[in-house]
Amino acid sequence: MSRLLFRLRHVPDDEAEEVRQLLTAHNIEFYETSAGNWGISMPALWIHEDDRFEEARALLEVYQQERAQRIREEYDERVRQGEAESLLTSFTSNPLRFIFYSGLIVAVLYLSISSFFSF
């Protein structure tokens, strides 16, 4: 019976590809389900063989720890170099979007609390 190994919803393409390569490199048979035409199904990687599931799970945990460490180091390096995305760089790169979202937040807050304070 197949078992769910890894959900692919909101997973970056490079991470999904690395997981596929990891499973293939260790000769673990798997299949992939897509989100479907309307995006309501569950995209995931499934393991065919129950006896290989624990091995695959252990490989995936080690991979995710290594990836998290690598991504964290890359982010820290970008911060040291001054290239990391911040609130100020977000504003300067697209000021109209920033002003629009800020106005939207203020409008929602106003509508949410105006009935309590009767402005």
N, C-alpha and C. Protein backbone atom coordinates (compact mmCIF):
# COMPACT_ATOMS: atom_id res chain seq x y z
N MET A 1 0.83 -1.17 0.00
CA MET A 1 0.00 0.00 0.00
C MET A 1 0.88 1.24 0.00
N SER A 2 0.52 2.24 -0.75
CA SER A 2 1.29 3.47 -0.85
C SER A 2 1.12 4.32 0.39
N ARG A 3 2.20 5.06 0.71
CA ARG A 3 2.16 5.95 1.87
C ARG A 3 2.65 7.32 1.48
N LEU A 4 2.02 8.34 2.04
CA LEU A 4 2.39 9.72 1.77
C LEU A 4 3.73 10.03 2.41
N LEU A 5 4.65 10.54 1.60
CA LEU A 5 5.97 10.91 2.11
C LEU A 5 6.13 12.41 2.24
N PHE A 6 5.71 13.16 1.22
CA PHE A 6 6.06 14.57 1.16
C PHE A 6 5.00 15.35 0.41
N ARG A 7 4.36 16.29 1.07
CA ARG A 7 3.38 17.16 0.41
C ARG A 7 4.11 18.23 -0.39
N LEU A 8 3.65 18.50 -1.59
CA LEU A 8 4.34 19.43 -2.48
C LEU A 8 3.68 20.81 -2.57
N ARG A 9 2.57 21.01 -1.87
CA ARG A 9 1.91 22.31 -1.93
C ARG A 9 2.80 23.36 -1.26
N HIS A 10 3.02 24.47 -1.95
CA HIS A 10 3.85 25.60 -1.49
C HIS A 10 5.32 25.22 -1.31
N VAL A 11 5.77 24.19 -2.00
CA VAL A 11 7.17 23.78 -1.96
C VAL A 11 7.85 24.36 -3.20
N PRO A 12 9.01 25.02 -3.03
CA PRO A 12 9.72 25.54 -4.20
C PRO A 12 10.09 24.42 -5.17
N ASP A 13 10.12 24.74 -6.45
CA ASP A 13 10.42 23.74 -7.48
C ASP A 13 11.78 23.09 -7.27
N ASP A 14 12.78 23.88 -6.87
CA ASP A 14 14.11 23.30 -6.68
C ASP A 14 14.13 22.30 -5.53
N GLU A 15 13.38 22.56 -4.47
CA GLU A 15 13.33 21.61 -3.36
C GLU A 15 12.62 20.32 -3.78
N ALA A 16 11.52 20.45 -4.50
CA ALA A 16 10.80 19.26 -4.97
C ALA A 16 11.69 18.42 -5.88
N GLU A 17 12.43 19.07 -6.76
CA GLU A 17 13.32 18.35 -7.67
C GLU A 17 14.45 17.66 -6.90
N GLU A 18 14.99 18.32 -5.88
CA GLU A 18 16.05 17.70 -5.08
C GLU A 18 15.53 16.48 -4.33
N VAL A 19 14.29 16.53 -3.84
CA VAL A 19 13.71 15.38 -3.15
C VAL A 19 13.52 14.23 -4.13
N ARG A 20 13.05 14.53 -5.34
CA ARG A 20 12.90 13.48 -6.36
C ARG A 20 14.25 12.83 -6.66
N GLN A 21 15.29 13.65 -6.82
CA GLN A 21 16.62 13.13 -7.10
C GLN A 21 17.15 12.29 -5.94
N LEU A 22 16.86 12.71 -4.71
CA LEU A 22 17.29 11.96 -3.54
C LEU A 22 16.67 10.57 -3.52
N LEU A 23 15.38 10.51 -3.77
CA LEU A 23 14.69 9.22 -3.78
C LEU A 23 15.19 8.33 -4.92
N THR A 24 15.39 8.92 -6.08
CA THR A 24 15.89 8.16 -7.24
C THR A 24 17.30 7.65 -6.98
N ALA A 25 18.15 8.47 -6.37
CA ALA A 25 19.53 8.07 -6.09
C ALA A 25 19.59 6.90 -5.12
N HIS A 26 18.60 6.77 -4.25
CA HIS A 26 18.58 5.67 -3.29
C HIS A 26 17.66 4.53 -3.74
N ASN A 27 17.28 4.54 -5.01
CA ASN A 27 16.45 3.49 -5.60
C ASN A 27 15.15 3.24 -4.84
N ILE A 28 14.54 4.32 -4.40
CA ILE A 28 13.25 4.23 -3.72
C ILE A 28 12.17 4.59 -4.73
N GLU A 29 11.29 3.64 -4.99
CA GLU A 29 10.23 3.86 -5.97
C GLU A 29 9.16 4.76 -5.37
N PHE A 30 8.76 5.76 -6.14
CA PHE A 30 7.75 6.70 -5.69
C PHE A 30 6.92 7.13 -6.88
N TYR A 31 5.81 7.74 -6.60
CA TYR A 31 5.03 8.38 -7.65
C TYR A 31 4.54 9.71 -7.11
N GLU A 32 4.14 10.56 -8.04
CA GLU A 32 3.77 11.93 -7.69
C GLU A 32 2.33 12.20 -8.11
N THR A 33 1.60 12.86 -7.23
CA THR A 33 0.26 13.31 -7.57
C THR A 33 0.30 14.82 -7.74
N SER A 34 -0.48 15.32 -8.68
CA SER A 34 -0.49 16.76 -8.95
C SER A 34 -1.66 17.42 -8.24
N ALA A 35 -1.70 18.73 -8.30
CA ALA A 35 -2.79 19.49 -7.68
C ALA A 35 -4.04 19.43 -8.54
N GLY A 36 -3.93 18.89 -9.73
CA GLY A 36 -5.09 18.80 -10.61
C GLY A 36 -5.32 20.08 -11.38
N ASN A 37 -6.32 20.07 -12.23
CA ASN A 37 -6.61 21.22 -13.08
C ASN A 37 -7.04 22.45 -12.28
N TRP A 38 -7.76 22.23 -11.19
CA TRP A 38 -8.27 23.36 -10.41
C TRP A 38 -7.45 23.62 -9.16
N GLY A 39 -6.43 22.83 -8.93
CA GLY A 39 -5.56 23.03 -7.78
C GLY A 39 -6.16 22.62 -6.45
N ILE A 40 -7.16 21.74 -6.47
CA ILE A 40 -7.80 21.35 -5.22
C ILE A 40 -7.34 19.99 -4.70
N SER A 41 -6.65 19.24 -5.52
CA SER A 41 -6.12 17.95 -5.07
C SER A 41 -4.82 18.17 -4.32
N MET A 42 -4.30 17.13 -3.70
CA MET A 42 -3.08 17.26 -2.92
C MET A 42 -1.87 16.83 -3.74
N PRO A 43 -1.02 17.79 -4.13
CA PRO A 43 0.22 17.40 -4.79
C PRO A 43 1.16 16.81 -3.75
N ALA A 44 1.71 15.63 -4.06
CA ALA A 44 2.55 14.96 -3.07
C ALA A 44 3.41 13.89 -3.73
N LEU A 45 4.40 13.44 -2.98
CA LEU A 45 5.21 12.28 -3.36
C LEU A 45 4.79 11.13 -2.45
N TRP A 46 4.55 9.99 -3.07
CA TRP A 46 4.08 8.80 -2.36
C TRP A 46 5.09 7.68 -2.57
N ILE A 47 5.29 6.86 -1.55
CA ILE A 47 6.19 5.72 -1.61
C ILE A 47 5.37 4.47 -1.90
N HIS A 48 5.82 3.68 -2.88
CA HIS A 48 5.12 2.45 -3.25
C HIS A 48 5.20 1.39 -2.16
N GLU A 49 6.39 1.18 -1.61
CA GLU A 49 6.64 0.05 -0.72
C GLU A 49 6.65 0.50 0.74
N ASP A 50 5.83 -0.14 1.56
CA ASP A 50 5.77 0.20 2.98
C ASP A 50 7.10 -0.05 3.69
N ASP A 51 7.81 -1.10 3.30
CA ASP A 51 9.05 -1.42 3.99
C ASP A 51 10.16 -0.40 3.72
N ARG A 52 10.07 0.38 2.68
CA ARG A 52 11.08 1.41 2.38
C ARG A 52 10.66 2.79 2.89
N PHE A 53 9.46 2.90 3.46
CA PHE A 53 8.95 4.19 3.89
C PHE A 53 9.82 4.81 4.98
N GLU A 54 10.19 4.03 5.98
CA GLU A 54 10.99 4.57 7.09
C GLU A 54 12.36 5.04 6.60
N GLU A 55 12.94 4.30 5.67
CA GLU A 55 14.22 4.71 5.08
C GLU A 55 14.06 6.03 4.35
N ALA A 56 13.00 6.14 3.55
CA ALA A 56 12.75 7.37 2.80
C ALA A 56 12.48 8.53 3.75
N ARG A 57 11.74 8.28 4.81
CA ARG A 57 11.43 9.33 5.79
C ARG A 57 12.71 9.83 6.45
N ALA A 58 13.61 8.90 6.81
CA ALA A 58 14.88 9.28 7.43
C ALA A 58 15.74 10.10 6.47
N LEU A 59 15.80 9.68 5.20
CA LEU A 59 16.54 10.44 4.20
C LEU A 59 15.97 11.84 4.04
N LEU A 60 14.66 11.94 4.02
CA LEU A 60 14.00 13.23 3.85
C LEU A 60 14.27 14.15 5.04
N GLU A 61 14.25 13.62 6.24
CA GLU A 61 14.53 14.44 7.42
C GLU A 61 15.95 14.99 7.40
N VAL A 62 16.91 14.14 7.04
CA VAL A 62 18.30 14.59 6.95
C VAL A 62 18.42 15.65 5.87
N TYR A 63 17.80 15.42 4.71
CA TYR A 63 17.84 16.39 3.62
C TYR A 63 17.25 17.73 4.05
N GLN A 64 16.11 17.71 4.73
CA GLN A 64 15.46 18.96 5.12
C GLN A 64 16.29 19.73 6.13
N GLN A 65 16.96 19.03 7.04
CA GLN A 65 17.84 19.71 7.98
C GLN A 65 19.01 20.37 7.26
N GLU A 66 19.60 19.64 6.31
CA GLU A 66 20.72 20.19 5.54
C GLU A 66 20.27 21.37 4.70
N ARG A 67 19.10 21.27 4.09
CA ARG A 67 18.59 22.37 3.27
C ARG A 67 18.29 23.60 4.12
N ALA A 68 17.68 23.40 5.27
CA ALA A 68 17.37 24.53 6.15
C ALA A 68 18.66 25.24 6.56
N GLN A 69 19.68 24.48 6.89
CA GLN A 69 20.96 25.07 7.26
C GLN A 69 21.57 25.83 6.09
N ARG A 70 21.52 25.24 4.90
CA ARG A 70 22.08 25.89 3.71
C ARG A 70 21.35 27.19 3.38
N ILE A 71 20.02 27.16 3.43
CA ILE A 71 19.22 28.35 3.12
C ILE A 71 19.48 29.44 4.16
N ARG A 72 19.59 29.04 5.43
CA ARG A 72 19.86 30.00 6.50
C ARG A 72 21.23 30.66 6.29
N GLU A 73 22.23 29.87 5.91
CA GLU A 73 23.56 30.42 5.65
C GLU A 73 23.54 31.36 4.46
N GLU A 74 22.80 31.01 3.40
CA GLU A 74 22.70 31.89 2.24
C GLU A 74 22.03 33.21 2.62
N TYR A 75 20.99 33.14 3.44
CA TYR A 75 20.31 34.36 3.88
C TYR A 75 21.25 35.22 4.73
N ASP A 76 21.96 34.60 5.67
CA ASP A 76 22.90 35.34 6.50
C ASP A 76 23.98 36.01 5.66
N GLU A 77 24.43 35.33 4.61
CA GLU A 77 25.43 35.92 3.72
C GLU A 77 24.85 37.13 2.97
N ARG A 78 23.61 37.02 2.51
CA ARG A 78 22.97 38.16 1.84
C ARG A 78 22.79 39.33 2.80
N VAL A 79 22.50 39.04 4.06
CA VAL A 79 22.36 40.11 5.06
C VAL A 79 23.71 40.79 5.26
N ARG A 80 24.79 40.00 5.37
CA ARG A 80 26.12 40.57 5.54
C ARG A 80 26.52 41.43 4.35
N GLN A 81 26.10 41.03 3.16
CA GLN A 81 26.44 41.79 1.96
C GLN A 81 25.47 42.94 1.71
N GLY A 82 24.42 43.02 2.50
CA GLY A 82 23.43 44.09 2.34
C GLY A 82 22.47 43.86 1.19
N GLU A 83 22.32 42.62 0.75
CA GLU A 83 21.45 42.31 -0.39
C GLU A 83 20.12 41.69 0.02
N ALA A 84 19.91 41.48 1.31
CA ALA A 84 18.68 40.82 1.78
C ALA A 84 17.50 41.78 1.63
N GLU A 85 16.34 41.21 1.33
CA GLU A 85 15.11 41.98 1.19
C GLU A 85 14.68 42.50 2.56
N SER A 86 14.41 43.78 2.64
CA SER A 86 13.93 44.38 3.89
C SER A 86 12.70 45.22 3.57
N LEU A 87 12.09 45.78 4.60
CA LEU A 87 10.92 46.62 4.40
C LEU A 87 11.28 47.84 3.56
N LEU A 88 12.44 48.41 3.82
CA LEU A 88 12.87 49.59 3.06
C LEU A 88 13.13 49.26 1.60
N THR A 89 13.79 48.14 1.32
CA THR A 89 14.05 47.78 -0.08
C THR A 89 12.76 47.40 -0.80
N SER A 90 11.82 46.83 -0.06
CA SER A 90 10.51 46.52 -0.65
C SER A 90 9.80 47.81 -1.05
N PHE A 91 9.87 48.82 -0.19
CA PHE A 91 9.24 50.10 -0.50
C PHE A 91 9.90 50.78 -1.69
N THR A 92 11.22 50.78 -1.71
CA THR A 92 11.91 51.47 -2.80
C THR A 92 11.79 50.75 -4.13
N SER A 93 11.63 49.43 -4.10
CA SER A 93 11.51 48.70 -5.36
C SER A 93 10.13 48.86 -6.00
N ASN A 94 9.10 49.02 -5.19
CA ASN A 94 7.74 49.19 -5.73
C ASN A 94 6.91 50.02 -4.75
N PRO A 95 7.09 51.35 -4.77
CA PRO A 95 6.42 52.19 -3.78
C PRO A 95 4.89 52.21 -3.92
N LEU A 96 4.36 52.12 -5.13
CA LEU A 96 2.91 52.16 -5.28
C LEU A 96 2.25 50.94 -4.65
N ARG A 97 2.84 49.78 -4.83
CA ARG A 97 2.29 48.57 -4.22
C ARG A 97 2.35 48.68 -2.70
N PHE A 98 3.46 49.19 -2.19
CA PHE A 98 3.62 49.34 -0.75
C PHE A 98 2.57 50.30 -0.18
N ILE A 99 2.36 51.41 -0.84
CA ILE A 99 1.36 52.39 -0.39
C ILE A 99 -0.04 51.80 -0.48
N PHE A 100 -0.33 51.07 -1.55
CA PHE A 100 -1.65 50.45 -1.71
C PHE A 100 -1.93 49.47 -0.57
N TYR A 101 -0.99 48.58 -0.29
CA TYR A 101 -1.20 47.60 0.78
C TYR A 101 -1.28 48.26 2.15
N SER A 102 -0.48 49.30 2.36
CA SER A 102 -0.56 50.02 3.63
C SER A 102 -1.93 50.66 3.79
N GLY A 103 -2.44 51.28 2.72
CA GLY A 103 -3.78 51.87 2.76
C GLY A 103 -4.85 50.83 2.98
N LEU A 104 -4.70 49.69 2.36
CA LEU A 104 -5.66 48.60 2.54
C LEU A 104 -5.68 48.12 3.99
N ILE A 105 -4.53 48.02 4.60
CA ILE A 105 -4.45 47.62 6.01
C ILE A 105 -5.14 48.64 6.90
N VAL A 106 -4.89 49.92 6.65
CA VAL A 106 -5.53 50.98 7.43
C VAL A 106 -7.04 50.94 7.25
N ALA A 107 -7.52 50.73 6.03
CA ALA A 107 -8.96 50.67 5.77
C ALA A 107 -9.61 49.50 6.49
N VAL A 108 -8.98 48.35 6.46
CA VAL A 108 -9.53 47.18 7.15
C VAL A 108 -9.55 47.41 8.66
N LEU A 109 -8.48 47.97 9.19
CA LEU A 109 -8.47 48.28 10.63
C LEU A 109 -9.56 49.28 10.99
N TYR A 110 -9.72 50.31 10.17
CA TYR A 110 -10.76 51.32 10.43
C TYR A 110 -12.14 50.68 10.42
N LEU A 111 -12.43 49.87 9.41
CA LEU A 111 -13.74 49.22 9.34
C LEU A 111 -13.95 48.23 10.48
N SER A 112 -12.88 47.62 10.94
CA SER A 112 -12.99 46.64 12.02
C SER A 112 -13.27 47.28 13.37
N ILE A 113 -12.65 48.42 13.65
CA ILE A 113 -12.81 49.01 14.98
C ILE A 113 -13.74 50.22 15.02
N SER A 114 -14.18 50.71 13.89
CA SER A 114 -15.04 51.91 13.89
C SER A 114 -16.37 51.66 14.57
N SER A 115 -16.91 50.47 14.48
CA SER A 115 -18.19 50.20 15.11
C SER A 115 -18.08 50.18 16.64
N PHE A 116 -16.91 49.89 17.17
CA PHE A 116 -16.73 49.87 18.62
C PHE A 116 -16.57 51.28 19.20
N PHE A 117 -15.98 52.17 18.43
CA PHE A 117 -15.69 53.51 18.94
C PHE A 117 -16.59 54.58 18.35
N SER A 118 -17.44 54.26 17.42
CA SER A 118 -18.40 55.18 16.79
C SER A 118 -17.74 56.46 16.31
N PHE A 119 -16.84 56.33 15.39
CA PHE A 119 -16.16 57.49 14.81
C PHE A 119 -17.11 58.29 13.97
